[in-house]
Amino acid sequence: GHKEIYRGAEYIVDFLPKIKIEVEVASDLVEPALE
């Protein structure tokens, strides 16, 4: 996380926004997809 200041008060943002991407691929496409 990180610290932010809002109206003069400091607080810690523990959980940061992320995106979860899910794909299903044939076994032979795993390495190219990872790269």
Full PDB file with SEQRES, HELIX, SHEET, SSBOND, CRYST1, ORIGX, SCALE, CONECT and MASTER records, all heavy atoms in Angstrom:
SEQRES   1 A   35  GLY HIS LYS GLU ILE TYR ARG GLY ALA GLU TYR ILE VAL          
SEQRES   2 A   35  ASP PHE LEU PRO LYS ILE LYS ILE GLU VAL GLU VAL ALA          
SEQRES   3 A   35  SER ASP LEU VAL GLU PRO ALA LEU GLU                          
HELIX    1 AA1 SER A   27  LEU A   29  5                                   3    
HELIX    2 AA2 VAL A   30  LEU A   34  1                                   5    
SHEET    1 AA1 2 HIS A   2  TYR A   6  0                                        
SHEET    2 AA1 2 ALA A   9  VAL A  13 -1                                        
CRYST1    1.000    1.000    1.000  90.00  90.00  90.00 P 1           1          
ORIGX1      1.000000  0.000000  0.000000        0.00000                         
ORIGX2      0.000000  1.000000  0.000000        0.00000                         
ORIGX3      0.000000  0.000000  1.000000        0.00000                         
SCALE1      1.000000  0.000000  0.000000        0.00000                         
SCALE2      0.000000  1.000000  0.000000        0.00000                         
SCALE3      0.000000  0.000000  1.000000        0.00000                         
ATOM      1  N   GLY A   1       0.807  -1.214   0.000  1.00  0.00           N  
ATOM      2  CA  GLY A   1       0.000   0.000   0.000  1.00  0.00           C  
ATOM      3  C   GLY A   1       0.841   1.266   0.000  1.00  0.00           C  
ATOM      4  O   GLY A   1       2.030   1.241  -0.255  1.00  0.00           O  
ATOM      5  N   HIS A   2       0.180   2.387   0.323  1.00  0.00           N  
ATOM      6  CA  HIS A   2       0.877   3.663   0.376  1.00  0.00           C  
ATOM      7  C   HIS A   2       0.112   4.618   1.287  1.00  0.00           C  
ATOM      8  O   HIS A   2      -1.024   4.358   1.675  1.00  0.00           O  
ATOM      9  CB  HIS A   2       1.036   4.252  -1.035  1.00  0.00           C  
ATOM     10  CG  HIS A   2      -0.266   4.545  -1.708  1.00  0.00           C  
ATOM     11  ND1 HIS A   2      -0.966   3.590  -2.408  1.00  0.00           N  
ATOM     12  CD2 HIS A   2      -1.012   5.678  -1.787  1.00  0.00           C  
ATOM     13  CE1 HIS A   2      -2.076   4.127  -2.890  1.00  0.00           C  
ATOM     14  NE2 HIS A   2      -2.131   5.375  -2.522  1.00  0.00           N  
ATOM     15  N   LYS A   3       0.749   5.742   1.626  1.00  0.00           N  
ATOM     16  CA  LYS A   3       0.128   6.745   2.483  1.00  0.00           C  
ATOM     17  C   LYS A   3      -0.452   7.847   1.613  1.00  0.00           C  
ATOM     18  O   LYS A   3       0.119   8.220   0.594  1.00  0.00           O  
ATOM     19  CB  LYS A   3       1.157   7.342   3.436  1.00  0.00           C  
ATOM     20  CG  LYS A   3       1.683   6.363   4.444  1.00  0.00           C  
ATOM     21  CD  LYS A   3       2.705   7.013   5.343  1.00  0.00           C  
ATOM     22  CE  LYS A   3       3.302   5.966   6.272  1.00  0.00           C  
ATOM     23  NZ  LYS A   3       4.370   6.507   7.090  1.00  0.00           N  
ATOM     24  N   GLU A   4      -1.606   8.355   2.031  1.00  0.00           N  
ATOM     25  CA  GLU A   4      -2.221   9.484   1.357  1.00  0.00           C  
ATOM     26  C   GLU A   4      -2.629  10.499   2.405  1.00  0.00           C  
ATOM     27  O   GLU A   4      -2.864  10.159   3.569  1.00  0.00           O  
ATOM     28  CB  GLU A   4      -3.447   9.046   0.555  1.00  0.00           C  
ATOM     29  CG  GLU A   4      -3.110   8.263  -0.674  1.00  0.00           C  
ATOM     30  CD  GLU A   4      -4.298   8.033  -1.584  1.00  0.00           C  
ATOM     31  OE1 GLU A   4      -5.376   8.619  -1.330  1.00  0.00           O  
ATOM     32  OE2 GLU A   4      -4.136   7.280  -2.549  1.00  0.00           O  
ATOM     33  N   ILE A   5      -2.731  11.734   1.975  1.00  0.00           N  
ATOM     34  CA  ILE A   5      -3.182  12.794   2.867  1.00  0.00           C  
ATOM     35  C   ILE A   5      -4.501  13.326   2.327  1.00  0.00           C  
ATOM     36  O   ILE A   5      -4.601  13.694   1.150  1.00  0.00           O  
ATOM     37  CB  ILE A   5      -2.135  13.923   2.963  1.00  0.00           C  
ATOM     38  CG1 ILE A   5      -0.845  13.363   3.569  1.00  0.00           C  
ATOM     39  CG2 ILE A   5      -2.677  15.087   3.783  1.00  0.00           C  
ATOM     40  CD1 ILE A   5       0.296  14.354   3.612  1.00  0.00           C  
ATOM     41  N   TYR A   6      -5.516  13.328   3.188  1.00  0.00           N  
ATOM     42  CA  TYR A   6      -6.830  13.833   2.809  1.00  0.00           C  
ATOM     43  C   TYR A   6      -7.278  14.831   3.858  1.00  0.00           C  
ATOM     44  O   TYR A   6      -7.398  14.478   5.043  1.00  0.00           O  
ATOM     45  CB  TYR A   6      -7.829  12.677   2.688  1.00  0.00           C  
ATOM     46  CG  TYR A   6      -9.220  13.104   2.332  1.00  0.00           C  
ATOM     47  CD1 TYR A   6      -9.509  13.569   1.055  1.00  0.00           C  
ATOM     48  CD2 TYR A   6     -10.240  13.066   3.273  1.00  0.00           C  
ATOM     49  CE1 TYR A   6     -10.781  13.986   0.715  1.00  0.00           C  
ATOM     50  CE2 TYR A   6     -11.521  13.469   2.942  1.00  0.00           C  
ATOM     51  CZ  TYR A   6     -11.789  13.931   1.667  1.00  0.00           C  
ATOM     52  OH  TYR A   6     -13.056  14.332   1.335  1.00  0.00           O  
ATOM     53  N   ARG A   7      -7.490  16.065   3.449  1.00  0.00           N  
ATOM     54  CA  ARG A   7      -7.890  17.154   4.351  1.00  0.00           C  
ATOM     55  C   ARG A   7      -6.964  17.255   5.555  1.00  0.00           C  
ATOM     56  O   ARG A   7      -7.410  17.382   6.699  1.00  0.00           O  
ATOM     57  CB  ARG A   7      -9.330  16.990   4.787  1.00  0.00           C  
ATOM     58  CG  ARG A   7     -10.295  17.127   3.640  1.00  0.00           C  
ATOM     59  CD  ARG A   7     -11.705  17.201   4.119  1.00  0.00           C  
ATOM     60  NE  ARG A   7     -12.591  17.372   2.960  1.00  0.00           N  
ATOM     61  CZ  ARG A   7     -13.861  17.600   3.058  1.00  0.00           C  
ATOM     62  NH1 ARG A   7     -14.434  17.679   4.233  1.00  0.00           N  
ATOM     63  NH2 ARG A   7     -14.584  17.738   1.969  1.00  0.00           N  
ATOM     64  N   GLY A   8      -5.697  17.128   5.293  1.00  0.00           N  
ATOM     65  CA  GLY A   8      -4.700  17.298   6.342  1.00  0.00           C  
ATOM     66  C   GLY A   8      -4.448  16.071   7.191  1.00  0.00           C  
ATOM     67  O   GLY A   8      -3.522  16.062   7.999  1.00  0.00           O  
ATOM     68  N   ALA A   9      -5.244  15.034   7.022  1.00  0.00           N  
ATOM     69  CA  ALA A   9      -5.053  13.811   7.811  1.00  0.00           C  
ATOM     70  C   ALA A   9      -4.369  12.755   6.943  1.00  0.00           C  
ATOM     71  O   ALA A   9      -4.750  12.540   5.796  1.00  0.00           O  
ATOM     72  CB  ALA A   9      -6.383  13.289   8.322  1.00  0.00           C  
ATOM     73  N   GLU A  10      -3.378  12.107   7.494  1.00  0.00           N  
ATOM     74  CA  GLU A  10      -2.653  11.061   6.769  1.00  0.00           C  
ATOM     75  C   GLU A  10      -3.285   9.708   7.072  1.00  0.00           C  
ATOM     76  O   GLU A  10      -3.620   9.409   8.213  1.00  0.00           O  
ATOM     77  CB  GLU A  10      -1.185  11.051   7.221  1.00  0.00           C  
ATOM     78  CG  GLU A  10      -0.317  10.099   6.443  1.00  0.00           C  
ATOM     79  CD  GLU A  10       1.139  10.189   6.864  1.00  0.00           C  
ATOM     80  OE1 GLU A  10       1.811  11.154   6.495  1.00  0.00           O  
ATOM     81  OE2 GLU A  10       1.569   9.272   7.595  1.00  0.00           O  
ATOM     82  N   TYR A  11      -3.484   8.926   6.031  1.00  0.00           N  
ATOM     83  CA  TYR A  11      -3.989   7.573   6.248  1.00  0.00           C  
ATOM     84  C   TYR A  11      -3.320   6.624   5.273  1.00  0.00           C  
ATOM     85  O   TYR A  11      -2.793   7.038   4.247  1.00  0.00           O  
ATOM     86  CB  TYR A  11      -5.518   7.511   6.147  1.00  0.00           C  
ATOM     87  CG  TYR A  11      -6.081   7.828   4.781  1.00  0.00           C  
ATOM     88  CD1 TYR A  11      -6.436   6.801   3.910  1.00  0.00           C  
ATOM     89  CD2 TYR A  11      -6.267   9.137   4.367  1.00  0.00           C  
ATOM     90  CE1 TYR A  11      -6.953   7.082   2.663  1.00  0.00           C  
ATOM     91  CE2 TYR A  11      -6.784   9.425   3.111  1.00  0.00           C  
ATOM     92  CZ  TYR A  11      -7.126   8.393   2.271  1.00  0.00           C  
ATOM     93  OH  TYR A  11      -7.638   8.674   1.035  1.00  0.00           O  
ATOM     94  N   ILE A  12      -3.356   5.347   5.620  1.00  0.00           N  
ATOM     95  CA  ILE A  12      -2.680   4.324   4.822  1.00  0.00           C  
ATOM     96  C   ILE A  12      -3.710   3.596   3.965  1.00  0.00           C  
ATOM     97  O   ILE A  12      -4.740   3.147   4.469  1.00  0.00           O  
ATOM     98  CB  ILE A  12      -1.934   3.326   5.722  1.00  0.00           C  
ATOM     99  CG1 ILE A  12      -0.823   4.057   6.478  1.00  0.00           C  
ATOM    100  CG2 ILE A  12      -1.367   2.177   4.908  1.00  0.00           C  
ATOM    101  CD1 ILE A  12      -0.112   3.218   7.506  1.00  0.00           C  
ATOM    102  N   VAL A  13      -3.419   3.485   2.677  1.00  0.00           N  
ATOM    103  CA  VAL A  13      -4.249   2.708   1.765  1.00  0.00           C  
ATOM    104  C   VAL A  13      -3.582   1.341   1.647  1.00  0.00           C  
ATOM    105  O   VAL A  13      -2.541   1.205   1.015  1.00  0.00           O  
ATOM    106  CB  VAL A  13      -4.347   3.395   0.380  1.00  0.00           C  
ATOM    107  CG1 VAL A  13      -5.159   2.538  -0.574  1.00  0.00           C  
ATOM    108  CG2 VAL A  13      -4.937   4.782   0.513  1.00  0.00           C  
ATOM    109  N   ASP A  14      -4.165   0.344   2.316  1.00  0.00           N  
ATOM    110  CA  ASP A  14      -3.566  -0.997   2.334  1.00  0.00           C  
ATOM    111  C   ASP A  14      -3.799  -1.752   1.032  1.00  0.00           C  
ATOM    112  O   ASP A  14      -2.901  -2.379   0.506  1.00  0.00           O  
ATOM    113  CB  ASP A  14      -4.143  -1.836   3.480  1.00  0.00           C  
ATOM    114  CG  ASP A  14      -3.666  -1.355   4.839  1.00  0.00           C  
ATOM    115  OD1 ASP A  14      -2.608  -0.726   4.900  1.00  0.00           O  
ATOM    116  OD2 ASP A  14      -4.374  -1.620   5.825  1.00  0.00           O  
ATOM    117  N   PHE A  15      -5.019  -1.723   0.551  1.00  0.00           N  
ATOM    118  CA  PHE A  15      -5.376  -2.500  -0.627  1.00  0.00           C  
ATOM    119  C   PHE A  15      -5.402  -1.591  -1.849  1.00  0.00           C  
ATOM    120  O   PHE A  15      -6.147  -0.623  -1.896  1.00  0.00           O  
ATOM    121  CB  PHE A  15      -6.739  -3.179  -0.435  1.00  0.00           C  
ATOM    122  CG  PHE A  15      -6.708  -4.214   0.647  1.00  0.00           C  
ATOM    123  CD1 PHE A  15      -7.165  -3.921   1.918  1.00  0.00           C  
ATOM    124  CD2 PHE A  15      -6.208  -5.477   0.395  1.00  0.00           C  
ATOM    125  CE1 PHE A  15      -7.132  -4.872   2.916  1.00  0.00           C  
ATOM    126  CE2 PHE A  15      -6.170  -6.433   1.386  1.00  0.00           C  
ATOM    127  CZ  PHE A  15      -6.632  -6.130   2.639  1.00  0.00           C  
ATOM    128  N   LEU A  16      -4.576  -1.943  -2.820  1.00  0.00           N  
ATOM    129  CA  LEU A  16      -4.453  -1.141  -4.028  1.00  0.00           C  
ATOM    130  C   LEU A  16      -5.284  -1.738  -5.154  1.00  0.00           C  
ATOM    131  O   LEU A  16      -5.412  -2.959  -5.249  1.00  0.00           O  
ATOM    132  CB  LEU A  16      -2.985  -1.065  -4.446  1.00  0.00           C  
ATOM    133  CG  LEU A  16      -2.066  -0.474  -3.380  1.00  0.00           C  
ATOM    134  CD1 LEU A  16      -0.626  -0.615  -3.810  1.00  0.00           C  
ATOM    135  CD2 LEU A  16      -2.408   0.989  -3.148  1.00  0.00           C  
ATOM    136  N   PRO A  17      -5.852  -0.896  -6.028  1.00  0.00           N  
ATOM    137  CA  PRO A  17      -6.650  -1.427  -7.130  1.00  0.00           C  
ATOM    138  C   PRO A  17      -5.784  -2.168  -8.140  1.00  0.00           C  
ATOM    139  O   PRO A  17      -4.699  -1.704  -8.507  1.00  0.00           O  
ATOM    140  CB  PRO A  17      -7.274  -0.179  -7.760  1.00  0.00           C  
ATOM    141  CG  PRO A  17      -6.424   0.953  -7.316  1.00  0.00           C  
ATOM    142  CD  PRO A  17      -5.795   0.552  -6.021  1.00  0.00           C  
ATOM    143  N   LYS A  18      -6.240  -3.323  -8.552  1.00  0.00           N  
ATOM    144  CA  LYS A  18      -5.564  -4.144  -9.556  1.00  0.00           C  
ATOM    145  C   LYS A  18      -6.624  -4.707 -10.498  1.00  0.00           C  
ATOM    146  O   LYS A  18      -7.813  -4.624 -10.231  1.00  0.00           O  
ATOM    147  CB  LYS A  18      -4.813  -5.315  -8.905  1.00  0.00           C  
ATOM    148  CG  LYS A  18      -3.758  -4.920  -7.879  1.00  0.00           C  
ATOM    149  CD  LYS A  18      -2.547  -4.331  -8.525  1.00  0.00           C  
ATOM    150  CE  LYS A  18      -1.509  -3.996  -7.454  1.00  0.00           C  
ATOM    151  NZ  LYS A  18      -0.315  -3.443  -8.020  1.00  0.00           N  
ATOM    152  N   ILE A  19      -6.177  -5.308 -11.576  1.00  0.00           N  
ATOM    153  CA  ILE A  19      -7.060  -5.984 -12.521  1.00  0.00           C  
ATOM    154  C   ILE A  19      -6.648  -7.452 -12.572  1.00  0.00           C  
ATOM    155  O   ILE A  19      -5.463  -7.762 -12.695  1.00  0.00           O  
ATOM    156  CB  ILE A  19      -6.949  -5.383 -13.938  1.00  0.00           C  
ATOM    157  CG1 ILE A  19      -7.412  -3.936 -13.945  1.00  0.00           C  
ATOM    158  CG2 ILE A  19      -7.725  -6.216 -14.955  1.00  0.00           C  
ATOM    159  CD1 ILE A  19      -8.894  -3.739 -13.728  1.00  0.00           C  
ATOM    160  N   LYS A  20      -7.623  -8.336 -12.458  1.00  0.00           N  
ATOM    161  CA  LYS A  20      -7.370  -9.774 -12.585  1.00  0.00           C  
ATOM    162  C   LYS A  20      -7.866 -10.211 -13.958  1.00  0.00           C  
ATOM    163  O   LYS A  20      -9.031 -10.031 -14.290  1.00  0.00           O  
ATOM    164  CB  LYS A  20      -8.102 -10.539 -11.493  1.00  0.00           C  
ATOM    165  CG  LYS A  20      -7.887 -12.028 -11.534  1.00  0.00           C  
ATOM    166  CD  LYS A  20      -8.638 -12.668 -10.377  1.00  0.00           C  
ATOM    167  CE  LYS A  20      -8.481 -14.151 -10.341  1.00  0.00           C  
ATOM    168  NZ  LYS A  20      -9.249 -14.739  -9.240  1.00  0.00           N  
ATOM    169  N   ILE A  21      -6.952 -10.754 -14.741  1.00  0.00           N  
ATOM    170  CA  ILE A  21      -7.263 -11.233 -16.085  1.00  0.00           C  
ATOM    171  C   ILE A  21      -7.227 -12.756 -16.049  1.00  0.00           C  
ATOM    172  O   ILE A  21      -6.236 -13.337 -15.591  1.00  0.00           O  
ATOM    173  CB  ILE A  21      -6.230 -10.714 -17.103  1.00  0.00           C  
ATOM    174  CG1 ILE A  21      -6.210  -9.187 -17.102  1.00  0.00           C  
ATOM    175  CG2 ILE A  21      -6.517 -11.273 -18.495  1.00  0.00           C  
ATOM    176  CD1 ILE A  21      -5.026  -8.596 -17.816  1.00  0.00           C  
ATOM    177  N   GLU A  22      -8.287 -13.396 -16.519  1.00  0.00           N  
ATOM    178  CA  GLU A  22      -8.340 -14.852 -16.566  1.00  0.00           C  
ATOM    179  C   GLU A  22      -8.530 -15.292 -18.009  1.00  0.00           C  
ATOM    180  O   GLU A  22      -9.435 -14.812 -18.691  1.00  0.00           O  
ATOM    181  CB  GLU A  22      -9.495 -15.374 -15.716  1.00  0.00           C  
ATOM    182  CG  GLU A  22      -9.372 -15.020 -14.244  1.00  0.00           C  
ATOM    183  CD  GLU A  22     -10.592 -15.436 -13.460  1.00  0.00           C  
ATOM    184  OE1 GLU A  22     -10.724 -16.648 -13.181  1.00  0.00           O  
ATOM    185  OE2 GLU A  22     -11.412 -14.561 -13.155  1.00  0.00           O  
ATOM    186  N   VAL A  23      -7.662 -16.185 -18.463  1.00  0.00           N  
ATOM    187  CA  VAL A  23      -7.785 -16.756 -19.811  1.00  0.00           C  
ATOM    188  C   VAL A  23      -7.521 -18.249 -19.734  1.00  0.00           C  
ATOM    189  O   VAL A  23      -6.749 -18.716 -18.899  1.00  0.00           O  
ATOM    190  CB  VAL A  23      -6.823 -16.107 -20.833  1.00  0.00           C  
ATOM    191  CG1 VAL A  23      -7.155 -14.649 -21.039  1.00  0.00           C  
ATOM    192  CG2 VAL A  23      -5.384 -16.273 -20.423  1.00  0.00           C  
ATOM    193  N   GLU A  24      -8.197 -18.997 -20.598  1.00  0.00           N  
ATOM    194  CA  GLU A  24      -7.945 -20.422 -20.716  1.00  0.00           C  
ATOM    195  C   GLU A  24      -7.312 -20.644 -22.081  1.00  0.00           C  
ATOM    196  O   GLU A  24      -7.811 -20.143 -23.087  1.00  0.00           O  
ATOM    197  CB  GLU A  24      -9.238 -21.239 -20.593  1.00  0.00           C  
ATOM    198  CG  GLU A  24      -9.802 -21.287 -19.183  1.00  0.00           C  
ATOM    199  CD  GLU A  24     -10.443 -19.984 -18.745  1.00  0.00           C  
ATOM    200  OE1 GLU A  24     -10.958 -19.251 -19.603  1.00  0.00           O  
ATOM    201  OE2 GLU A  24     -10.409 -19.678 -17.544  1.00  0.00           O  
ATOM    202  N   VAL A  25      -6.191 -21.362 -22.093  1.00  0.00           N  
ATOM    203  CA  VAL A  25      -5.459 -21.583 -23.338  1.00  0.00           C  
ATOM    204  C   VAL A  25      -5.061 -23.044 -23.464  1.00  0.00           C  
ATOM    205  O   VAL A  25      -4.982 -23.770 -22.468  1.00  0.00           O  
ATOM    206  CB  VAL A  25      -4.191 -20.700 -23.431  1.00  0.00           C  
ATOM    207  CG1 VAL A  25      -4.556 -19.226 -23.406  1.00  0.00           C  
ATOM    208  CG2 VAL A  25      -3.205 -21.029 -22.329  1.00  0.00           C  
ATOM    209  N   ALA A  26      -4.790 -23.451 -24.705  1.00  0.00           N  
ATOM    210  CA  ALA A  26      -4.245 -24.785 -24.939  1.00  0.00           C  
ATOM    211  C   ALA A  26      -2.847 -24.832 -24.328  1.00  0.00           C  
ATOM    212  O   ALA A  26      -2.164 -23.807 -24.213  1.00  0.00           O  
ATOM    213  CB  ALA A  26      -4.183 -25.066 -26.433  1.00  0.00           C  
ATOM    214  N   SER A  27      -2.416 -26.011 -23.939  1.00  0.00           N  
ATOM    215  CA  SER A  27      -1.127 -26.164 -23.259  1.00  0.00           C  
ATOM    216  C   SER A  27       0.043 -25.605 -24.057  1.00  0.00           C  
ATOM    217  O   SER A  27       0.988 -25.066 -23.486  1.00  0.00           O  
ATOM    218  CB  SER A  27      -0.881 -27.634 -22.931  1.00  0.00           C  
ATOM    219  OG  SER A  27      -1.859 -28.083 -22.023  1.00  0.00           O  
ATOM    220  N   ASP A  28      -0.012 -25.692 -25.393  1.00  0.00           N  
ATOM    221  CA  ASP A  28       1.092 -25.194 -26.204  1.00  0.00           C  
ATOM    222  C   ASP A  28       1.131 -23.665 -26.285  1.00  0.00           C  
ATOM    223  O   ASP A  28       2.128 -23.091 -26.718  1.00  0.00           O  
ATOM    224  CB  ASP A  28       1.056 -25.801 -27.610  1.00  0.00           C  
ATOM    225  CG  ASP A  28      -0.226 -25.452 -28.365  1.00  0.00           C  
ATOM    226  OD1 ASP A  28      -1.274 -25.280 -27.709  1.00  0.00           O  
ATOM    227  OD2 ASP A  28      -0.163 -25.354 -29.600  1.00  0.00           O  
ATOM    228  N   LEU A  29       0.076 -22.987 -25.838  1.00  0.00           N  
ATOM    229  CA  LEU A  29       0.056 -21.525 -25.845  1.00  0.00           C  
ATOM    230  C   LEU A  29       0.442 -20.904 -24.505  1.00  0.00           C  
ATOM    231  O   LEU A  29       0.525 -19.682 -24.402  1.00  0.00           O  
ATOM    232  CB  LEU A  29      -1.332 -21.014 -26.226  1.00  0.00           C  
ATOM    233  CG  LEU A  29      -1.643 -20.821 -27.699  1.00  0.00           C  
ATOM    234  CD1 LEU A  29      -3.047 -20.271 -27.889  1.00  0.00           C  
ATOM    235  CD2 LEU A  29      -0.634 -19.927 -28.370  1.00  0.00           C  
ATOM    236  N   VAL A  30       0.691 -21.738 -23.497  1.00  0.00           N  
ATOM    237  CA  VAL A  30       0.971 -21.203 -22.163  1.00  0.00           C  
ATOM    238  C   VAL A  30       2.224 -20.327 -22.168  1.00  0.00           C  
ATOM    239  O   VAL A  30       2.188 -19.183 -21.717  1.00  0.00           O  
ATOM    240  CB  VAL A  30       1.099 -22.334 -21.115  1.00  0.00           C  
ATOM    241  CG1 VAL A  30       1.594 -21.791 -19.788  1.00  0.00           C  
ATOM    242  CG2 VAL A  30      -0.243 -23.023 -20.926  1.00  0.00           C  
ATOM    243  N   GLU A  31       3.330 -20.833 -22.661  1.00  0.00           N  
ATOM    244  CA  GLU A  31       4.577 -20.063 -22.625  1.00  0.00           C  
ATOM    245  C   GLU A  31       4.495 -18.778 -23.449  1.00  0.00           C  
ATOM    246  O   GLU A  31       4.894 -17.716 -22.961  1.00  0.00           O  
ATOM    247  CB  GLU A  31       5.767 -20.920 -23.045  1.00  0.00           C  
ATOM    248  CG  GLU A  31       6.164 -21.954 -21.999  1.00  0.00           C  
ATOM    249  CD  GLU A  31       6.456 -21.366 -20.618  1.00  0.00           C  
ATOM    250  OE1 GLU A  31       7.122 -20.312 -20.536  1.00  0.00           O  
ATOM    251  OE2 GLU A  31       6.013 -21.952 -19.612  1.00  0.00           O  
ATOM    252  N   PRO A  32       3.975 -18.839 -24.698  1.00  0.00           N  
ATOM    253  CA  PRO A  32       3.838 -17.576 -25.442  1.00  0.00           C  
ATOM    254  C   PRO A  32       2.926 -16.569 -24.724  1.00  0.00           C  
ATOM    255  O   PRO A  32       3.207 -15.374 -24.714  1.00  0.00           O  
ATOM    256  CB  PRO A  32       3.229 -17.999 -26.773  1.00  0.00           C  
ATOM    257  CG  PRO A  32       3.568 -19.435 -26.925  1.00  0.00           C  
ATOM    258  CD  PRO A  32       3.642 -19.990 -25.537  1.00  0.00           C  
ATOM    259  N   ALA A  33       1.855 -17.057 -24.113  1.00  0.00           N  
ATOM    260  CA  ALA A  33       0.936 -16.165 -23.396  1.00  0.00           C  
ATOM    261  C   ALA A  33       1.628 -15.537 -22.194  1.00  0.00           C  
ATOM    262  O   ALA A  33       1.479 -14.334 -21.939  1.00  0.00           O  
ATOM    263  CB  ALA A  33      -0.315 -16.924 -22.957  1.00  0.00           C  
ATOM    264  N   LEU A  34       2.396 -16.326 -21.461  1.00  0.00           N  
ATOM    265  CA  LEU A  34       3.130 -15.792 -20.307  1.00  0.00           C  
ATOM    266  C   LEU A  34       4.099 -14.703 -20.740  1.00  0.00           C  
ATOM    267  O   LEU A  34       4.174 -13.639 -20.114  1.00  0.00           O  
ATOM    268  CB  LEU A  34       3.880 -16.899 -19.577  1.00  0.00           C  
ATOM    269  CG  LEU A  34       3.036 -17.919 -18.822  1.00  0.00           C  
ATOM    270  CD1 LEU A  34       3.917 -18.991 -18.207  1.00  0.00           C  
ATOM    271  CD2 LEU A  34       2.203 -17.243 -17.760  1.00  0.00           C  
ATOM    272  N   GLU A  35       4.839 -14.956 -21.800  1.00  0.00           N  
ATOM    273  CA  GLU A  35       5.800 -13.962 -22.293  1.00  0.00           C  
ATOM    274  C   GLU A  35       5.101 -12.669 -22.703  1.00  0.00           C  
ATOM    275  O   GLU A  35       5.567 -11.577 -22.385  1.00  0.00           O  
ATOM    276  CB  GLU A  35       6.607 -14.516 -23.463  1.00  0.00           C  
ATOM    277  CG  GLU A  35       7.622 -15.570 -23.047  1.00  0.00           C  
ATOM    278  CD  GLU A  35       8.610 -15.053 -22.006  1.00  0.00           C  
ATOM    279  OE1 GLU A  35       9.132 -13.915 -22.167  1.00  0.00           O  
ATOM    280  OE2 GLU A  35       8.865 -15.774 -21.027  1.00  0.00           O  
TER     281      GLU A  35                                                      
MASTER        0    0    0    2    2    0    0    6  280    1    0    3          
END                                                                             
